[in-house]
């Protein structure tokens, strides 16, 4: 089984030597998304806007892979400040239906471009 790269212009282009996502069999492994506007390549302002943009970017990558957001089985959320957890969690939850994916959430010192939040996901195609 060989891995297949997933690419879409509906999400920001990779800013390094990686794929937006990789498909291996029926599994999709998506790289972390930050709140970059895919049209401008610029980080959107504010925690709430960045969190929504992150989830929109994740959704676009999954769509390019033939998946939907509710095909996600595992997420990892990185936040610059754990004090932002409640806000990020409320916005994150609005994109999913039960049963929710497994999840980890961690505070990190820095992210690319000074992002406040980043989300990576693993999904299983139906």
N, C-alpha and C. Protein backbone atom coordinates (compact mmCIF):
# COMPACT_ATOMS: atom_id res chain seq x y z
N UNK A 1 0.85 -1.17 0.00
CA UNK A 1 0.00 0.00 0.00
C UNK A 1 0.90 1.24 0.00
N UNK A 2 0.66 2.13 -0.93
CA UNK A 2 1.49 3.34 -1.01
C UNK A 2 0.70 4.55 -0.53
N UNK A 3 1.42 5.51 0.00
CA UNK A 3 0.76 6.73 0.47
C UNK A 3 0.55 7.68 -0.71
N UNK A 4 -0.59 8.37 -0.66
CA UNK A 4 -0.97 9.31 -1.71
C UNK A 4 -1.12 10.71 -1.10
N UNK A 5 -0.47 11.71 -1.67
CA UNK A 5 -0.62 13.07 -1.13
C UNK A 5 -1.99 13.64 -1.46
N UNK A 6 -2.50 14.45 -0.56
CA UNK A 6 -3.77 15.16 -0.74
C UNK A 6 -3.42 16.64 -0.84
N UNK A 7 -3.98 17.32 -1.83
CA UNK A 7 -3.68 18.73 -2.06
C UNK A 7 -4.95 19.45 -2.50
N UNK A 8 -5.18 20.63 -1.95
CA UNK A 8 -6.30 21.46 -2.37
C UNK A 8 -5.92 22.93 -2.28
N UNK A 9 -6.46 23.73 -3.16
CA UNK A 9 -6.27 25.18 -3.09
C UNK A 9 -7.27 25.82 -2.13
N UNK A 10 -8.21 25.03 -1.62
CA UNK A 10 -9.22 25.54 -0.68
C UNK A 10 -8.66 25.69 0.73
N UNK A 11 -7.43 25.21 0.94
CA UNK A 11 -6.73 25.37 2.21
C UNK A 11 -5.35 25.92 1.88
N UNK A 12 -4.68 26.53 2.86
CA UNK A 12 -3.36 27.10 2.58
C UNK A 12 -2.38 26.04 2.08
N UNK A 13 -1.52 26.46 1.16
CA UNK A 13 -0.47 25.57 0.68
C UNK A 13 0.50 25.28 1.82
N UNK A 14 1.15 24.13 1.74
CA UNK A 14 2.15 23.78 2.73
C UNK A 14 3.26 24.83 2.73
N UNK A 15 3.73 25.21 3.91
CA UNK A 15 4.81 26.20 4.03
C UNK A 15 6.12 25.51 4.39
N UNK A 16 6.24 24.27 3.99
CA UNK A 16 7.44 23.50 4.26
C UNK A 16 7.41 22.21 3.46
N UNK A 17 8.34 21.31 3.71
CA UNK A 17 8.42 20.05 2.96
C UNK A 17 7.46 19.00 3.53
N UNK A 18 6.17 19.23 3.35
CA UNK A 18 5.15 18.28 3.81
C UNK A 18 3.91 18.41 2.93
N UNK A 19 3.03 17.42 3.03
CA UNK A 19 1.75 17.42 2.31
C UNK A 19 0.67 17.96 3.21
N UNK A 20 -0.38 18.54 2.61
CA UNK A 20 -1.53 18.96 3.42
C UNK A 20 -2.11 17.76 4.15
N UNK A 21 -2.12 16.62 3.47
CA UNK A 21 -2.56 15.37 4.07
C UNK A 21 -1.98 14.23 3.22
N UNK A 22 -2.00 13.05 3.81
CA UNK A 22 -1.55 11.85 3.12
C UNK A 22 -2.61 10.78 3.35
N UNK A 23 -2.96 10.07 2.28
CA UNK A 23 -3.88 8.95 2.39
C UNK A 23 -3.08 7.66 2.33
N UNK A 24 -3.38 6.76 3.26
CA UNK A 24 -2.79 5.43 3.28
C UNK A 24 -3.95 4.46 3.50
N UNK A 25 -4.31 3.74 2.46
CA UNK A 25 -5.51 2.89 2.53
C UNK A 25 -6.73 3.77 2.70
N UNK A 26 -7.53 3.47 3.72
CA UNK A 26 -8.72 4.28 3.96
C UNK A 26 -8.52 5.31 5.07
N UNK A 27 -7.26 5.52 5.45
CA UNK A 27 -6.94 6.48 6.50
C UNK A 27 -6.35 7.76 5.89
N UNK A 28 -6.76 8.89 6.46
CA UNK A 28 -6.25 10.20 6.05
C UNK A 28 -5.53 10.82 7.24
N UNK A 29 -4.28 11.18 7.03
CA UNK A 29 -3.46 11.81 8.06
C UNK A 29 -3.20 13.25 7.61
N UNK A 30 -3.88 14.19 8.25
CA UNK A 30 -3.79 15.59 7.83
C UNK A 30 -2.78 16.34 8.68
N UNK A 31 -1.97 17.14 8.01
CA UNK A 31 -1.03 18.01 8.71
C UNK A 31 -1.80 19.06 9.50
N UNK A 32 -1.14 19.62 10.50
CA UNK A 32 -1.76 20.67 11.28
C UNK A 32 -2.09 21.88 10.42
N UNK A 33 -3.23 22.46 10.70
CA UNK A 33 -3.67 23.67 10.02
C UNK A 33 -3.69 24.82 11.02
N UNK A 34 -3.17 25.96 10.58
CA UNK A 34 -3.29 27.18 11.37
C UNK A 34 -4.27 28.10 10.66
N UNK A 35 -4.53 29.26 11.25
CA UNK A 35 -5.57 30.15 10.73
C UNK A 35 -5.15 31.01 9.56
N UNK A 36 -4.53 30.39 8.57
CA UNK A 36 -4.16 31.13 7.36
C UNK A 36 -5.32 31.18 6.38
N UNK A 37 -5.55 32.35 5.83
CA UNK A 37 -6.52 32.51 4.76
C UNK A 37 -5.90 31.90 3.50
N UNK A 38 -6.56 30.91 2.87
CA UNK A 38 -5.94 30.26 1.71
C UNK A 38 -5.77 31.18 0.50
N UNK A 39 -6.54 32.25 0.42
CA UNK A 39 -6.42 33.17 -0.72
C UNK A 39 -5.25 34.14 -0.55
N UNK A 40 -5.03 34.61 0.68
CA UNK A 40 -3.99 35.61 0.90
C UNK A 40 -2.72 35.03 1.50
N UNK A 41 -2.84 33.87 2.14
CA UNK A 41 -1.69 33.27 2.83
C UNK A 41 -1.37 33.97 4.14
N UNK A 42 -2.23 34.90 4.54
CA UNK A 42 -2.01 35.65 5.78
C UNK A 42 -2.82 35.06 6.93
N UNK A 43 -2.29 35.20 8.13
CA UNK A 43 -2.97 34.75 9.34
C UNK A 43 -4.12 35.70 9.63
N UNK A 44 -5.32 35.14 9.86
CA UNK A 44 -6.47 35.98 10.22
C UNK A 44 -6.28 36.48 11.65
N UNK A 45 -6.98 37.57 11.99
CA UNK A 45 -6.81 38.20 13.30
C UNK A 45 -7.67 37.55 14.37
N UNK A 46 -7.12 37.41 15.56
CA UNK A 46 -7.88 37.02 16.73
C UNK A 46 -8.10 35.53 16.89
N UNK A 47 -8.23 35.13 18.13
CA UNK A 47 -8.39 33.71 18.47
C UNK A 47 -9.63 33.09 17.83
N UNK A 48 -10.77 33.73 17.95
CA UNK A 48 -12.00 33.16 17.40
C UNK A 48 -11.92 33.02 15.89
N UNK A 49 -11.48 34.05 15.21
CA UNK A 49 -11.34 33.98 13.75
C UNK A 49 -10.33 32.92 13.34
N UNK A 50 -9.21 32.84 14.06
CA UNK A 50 -8.22 31.83 13.73
C UNK A 50 -8.77 30.42 13.93
N UNK A 51 -9.51 30.21 15.00
CA UNK A 51 -10.05 28.88 15.27
C UNK A 51 -11.05 28.48 14.19
N UNK A 52 -11.94 29.38 13.82
CA UNK A 52 -12.88 29.07 12.72
C UNK A 52 -12.12 28.80 11.42
N UNK A 53 -11.11 29.62 11.11
CA UNK A 53 -10.34 29.42 9.88
C UNK A 53 -9.60 28.09 9.90
N UNK A 54 -9.06 27.72 11.05
CA UNK A 54 -8.40 26.42 11.19
C UNK A 54 -9.38 25.30 10.85
N UNK A 55 -10.56 25.35 11.42
CA UNK A 55 -11.54 24.28 11.19
C UNK A 55 -12.02 24.29 9.74
N UNK A 56 -12.14 25.46 9.13
CA UNK A 56 -12.51 25.53 7.72
C UNK A 56 -11.40 24.94 6.85
N UNK A 57 -10.15 25.22 7.20
CA UNK A 57 -9.02 24.65 6.46
C UNK A 57 -8.98 23.13 6.60
N UNK A 58 -9.17 22.64 7.82
CA UNK A 58 -9.20 21.19 8.05
C UNK A 58 -10.32 20.55 7.22
N UNK A 59 -11.49 21.16 7.23
CA UNK A 59 -12.63 20.65 6.47
C UNK A 59 -12.32 20.61 4.97
N UNK A 60 -11.64 21.63 4.46
CA UNK A 60 -11.29 21.68 3.03
C UNK A 60 -10.31 20.56 2.66
N UNK A 61 -9.33 20.32 3.51
CA UNK A 61 -8.37 19.24 3.25
C UNK A 61 -9.07 17.89 3.27
N UNK A 62 -9.95 17.70 4.24
CA UNK A 62 -10.70 16.44 4.31
C UNK A 62 -11.58 16.25 3.08
N UNK A 63 -12.22 17.32 2.64
CA UNK A 63 -13.07 17.25 1.44
C UNK A 63 -12.24 16.83 0.23
N UNK A 64 -11.04 17.37 0.10
CA UNK A 64 -10.15 17.01 -1.01
C UNK A 64 -9.78 15.52 -0.94
N UNK A 65 -9.81 14.96 0.24
CA UNK A 65 -9.50 13.55 0.43
C UNK A 65 -10.73 12.66 0.30
N UNK A 66 -11.90 13.28 0.07
CA UNK A 66 -13.13 12.50 -0.04
C UNK A 66 -13.76 12.18 1.30
N UNK A 67 -13.46 13.01 2.30
CA UNK A 67 -14.00 12.81 3.65
C UNK A 67 -14.81 14.02 4.09
N UNK A 68 -15.47 13.84 5.21
CA UNK A 68 -16.17 14.92 5.88
C UNK A 68 -15.58 15.08 7.27
N UNK A 69 -15.88 16.20 7.91
CA UNK A 69 -15.34 16.46 9.24
C UNK A 69 -15.74 15.36 10.23
N UNK A 70 -16.92 14.78 10.07
CA UNK A 70 -17.34 13.74 11.02
C UNK A 70 -16.74 12.37 10.72
N UNK A 71 -15.85 12.30 9.72
CA UNK A 71 -15.05 11.09 9.50
C UNK A 71 -13.78 11.11 10.35
N UNK A 72 -13.54 12.22 11.05
CA UNK A 72 -12.35 12.35 11.89
C UNK A 72 -12.47 11.43 13.10
N UNK A 73 -11.39 10.69 13.36
CA UNK A 73 -11.37 9.78 14.50
C UNK A 73 -10.45 10.28 15.62
N UNK A 74 -9.51 11.18 15.28
CA UNK A 74 -8.56 11.69 16.29
C UNK A 74 -8.13 13.09 15.91
N UNK A 75 -8.07 13.98 16.90
CA UNK A 75 -7.56 15.33 16.67
C UNK A 75 -6.49 15.64 17.72
N UNK A 76 -5.64 16.56 17.35
CA UNK A 76 -4.66 17.12 18.27
C UNK A 76 -4.72 18.64 18.12
N UNK A 77 -5.01 19.31 19.22
CA UNK A 77 -5.11 20.76 19.23
C UNK A 77 -3.91 21.34 19.95
N UNK A 78 -3.25 22.28 19.29
CA UNK A 78 -2.14 23.02 19.89
C UNK A 78 -2.63 24.44 20.13
N UNK A 79 -2.39 24.96 21.33
CA UNK A 79 -2.77 26.34 21.64
C UNK A 79 -1.57 27.07 22.22
N UNK A 80 -1.45 28.34 21.88
CA UNK A 80 -0.38 29.14 22.44
C UNK A 80 -0.62 29.40 23.92
N UNK A 81 -1.88 29.40 24.33
CA UNK A 81 -2.22 29.69 25.72
C UNK A 81 -3.39 28.81 26.14
N UNK A 82 -3.18 27.96 27.13
CA UNK A 82 -4.24 27.05 27.59
C UNK A 82 -5.43 27.82 28.16
N UNK A 83 -5.24 29.09 28.49
CA UNK A 83 -6.36 29.92 28.94
C UNK A 83 -7.40 30.09 27.82
N UNK A 84 -7.00 29.83 26.58
CA UNK A 84 -7.91 29.93 25.44
C UNK A 84 -8.74 28.67 25.23
N UNK A 85 -8.55 27.66 26.06
CA UNK A 85 -9.18 26.36 25.85
C UNK A 85 -10.70 26.45 25.70
N UNK A 86 -11.37 27.18 26.58
CA UNK A 86 -12.84 27.25 26.54
C UNK A 86 -13.32 27.80 25.20
N UNK A 87 -12.72 28.87 24.74
CA UNK A 87 -13.12 29.47 23.46
C UNK A 87 -12.85 28.52 22.31
N UNK A 88 -11.65 27.97 22.26
CA UNK A 88 -11.29 27.03 21.18
C UNK A 88 -12.21 25.82 21.23
N UNK A 89 -12.47 25.30 22.41
CA UNK A 89 -13.31 24.11 22.56
C UNK A 89 -14.74 24.35 22.06
N UNK A 90 -15.30 25.50 22.37
CA UNK A 90 -16.67 25.82 21.92
C UNK A 90 -16.74 25.89 20.40
N UNK A 91 -15.77 26.55 19.79
CA UNK A 91 -15.76 26.66 18.33
C UNK A 91 -15.51 25.30 17.70
N UNK A 92 -14.52 24.58 18.20
CA UNK A 92 -14.19 23.23 17.72
C UNK A 92 -15.44 22.34 17.75
N UNK A 93 -16.15 22.34 18.88
CA UNK A 93 -17.33 21.48 19.06
C UNK A 93 -18.42 21.80 18.04
N UNK A 94 -18.51 23.05 17.60
CA UNK A 94 -19.56 23.43 16.65
C UNK A 94 -19.37 22.81 15.27
N UNK A 95 -18.21 22.26 14.99
CA UNK A 95 -17.93 21.65 13.69
C UNK A 95 -18.19 20.14 13.67
N UNK A 96 -18.39 19.53 14.83
CA UNK A 96 -18.55 18.08 14.91
C UNK A 96 -19.92 17.68 15.43
N UNK A 97 -20.29 16.45 15.14
CA UNK A 97 -21.47 15.82 15.72
C UNK A 97 -21.00 14.63 16.54
N UNK A 98 -21.82 14.21 17.50
CA UNK A 98 -21.48 13.01 18.28
C UNK A 98 -21.58 11.78 17.39
N UNK A 99 -20.79 10.78 17.58
CA UNK A 99 -19.73 10.68 18.58
C UNK A 99 -18.52 11.51 18.15
N UNK A 100 -18.00 12.28 19.09
CA UNK A 100 -16.86 13.15 18.81
C UNK A 100 -15.59 12.32 18.65
N UNK A 101 -14.61 12.86 17.92
CA UNK A 101 -13.34 12.14 17.79
C UNK A 101 -12.57 12.13 19.12
N UNK A 102 -11.65 11.19 19.24
CA UNK A 102 -10.70 11.24 20.35
C UNK A 102 -9.88 12.51 20.16
N UNK A 103 -9.32 13.05 21.27
CA UNK A 103 -8.64 14.33 21.14
C UNK A 103 -7.60 14.51 22.23
N UNK A 104 -6.55 15.23 21.87
CA UNK A 104 -5.58 15.75 22.82
C UNK A 104 -5.51 17.25 22.61
N UNK A 105 -5.21 17.99 23.66
CA UNK A 105 -5.05 19.44 23.56
C UNK A 105 -3.87 19.84 24.43
N UNK A 106 -2.95 20.58 23.83
CA UNK A 106 -1.74 20.96 24.56
C UNK A 106 -1.40 22.43 24.32
N UNK A 107 -0.71 23.00 25.31
CA UNK A 107 -0.18 24.35 25.17
C UNK A 107 1.25 24.24 24.65
N UNK A 108 1.57 25.10 23.69
CA UNK A 108 2.92 25.11 23.11
C UNK A 108 3.49 26.53 23.19
N UNK A 109 4.81 26.62 23.11
CA UNK A 109 5.47 27.92 23.23
C UNK A 109 5.25 28.80 22.00
N UNK A 110 5.41 28.23 20.81
CA UNK A 110 5.29 29.01 19.58
C UNK A 110 4.77 28.14 18.47
N UNK A 111 4.11 28.78 17.51
CA UNK A 111 3.65 28.10 16.30
C UNK A 111 4.04 28.94 15.09
N UNK A 112 4.00 28.34 13.91
CA UNK A 112 4.37 29.08 12.71
C UNK A 112 3.55 30.37 12.58
N UNK A 113 4.22 31.42 12.15
CA UNK A 113 3.61 32.72 11.87
C UNK A 113 2.94 33.35 13.09
N UNK A 114 3.24 32.85 14.29
CA UNK A 114 2.64 33.40 15.50
C UNK A 114 1.20 32.99 15.70
N UNK A 115 0.80 31.87 15.10
CA UNK A 115 -0.58 31.38 15.23
C UNK A 115 -0.93 31.14 16.70
N UNK A 116 -2.20 31.29 17.00
CA UNK A 116 -2.70 31.06 18.36
C UNK A 116 -3.22 29.65 18.56
N UNK A 117 -3.59 28.98 17.46
CA UNK A 117 -4.16 27.64 17.54
C UNK A 117 -3.81 26.88 16.26
N UNK A 118 -3.63 25.57 16.41
CA UNK A 118 -3.38 24.68 15.28
C UNK A 118 -4.09 23.36 15.57
N UNK A 119 -4.64 22.77 14.53
CA UNK A 119 -5.35 21.48 14.68
C UNK A 119 -4.88 20.53 13.59
N UNK A 120 -4.53 19.31 14.00
CA UNK A 120 -4.25 18.24 13.04
C UNK A 120 -5.25 17.12 13.29
N UNK A 121 -5.55 16.36 12.24
CA UNK A 121 -6.56 15.31 12.37
C UNK A 121 -6.15 14.04 11.65
N UNK A 122 -6.78 12.96 12.10
CA UNK A 122 -6.71 11.67 11.43
C UNK A 122 -8.16 11.27 11.15
N UNK A 123 -8.43 10.88 9.91
CA UNK A 123 -9.80 10.50 9.52
C UNK A 123 -9.79 9.15 8.83
N UNK A 124 -10.93 8.49 8.86
CA UNK A 124 -11.11 7.21 8.17
C UNK A 124 -12.19 7.39 7.12
N UNK A 125 -11.83 7.10 5.87
CA UNK A 125 -12.81 7.22 4.79
C UNK A 125 -13.86 6.12 4.93
N UNK A 126 -15.09 6.47 4.57
CA UNK A 126 -16.20 5.51 4.63
C UNK A 126 -16.11 4.56 3.47
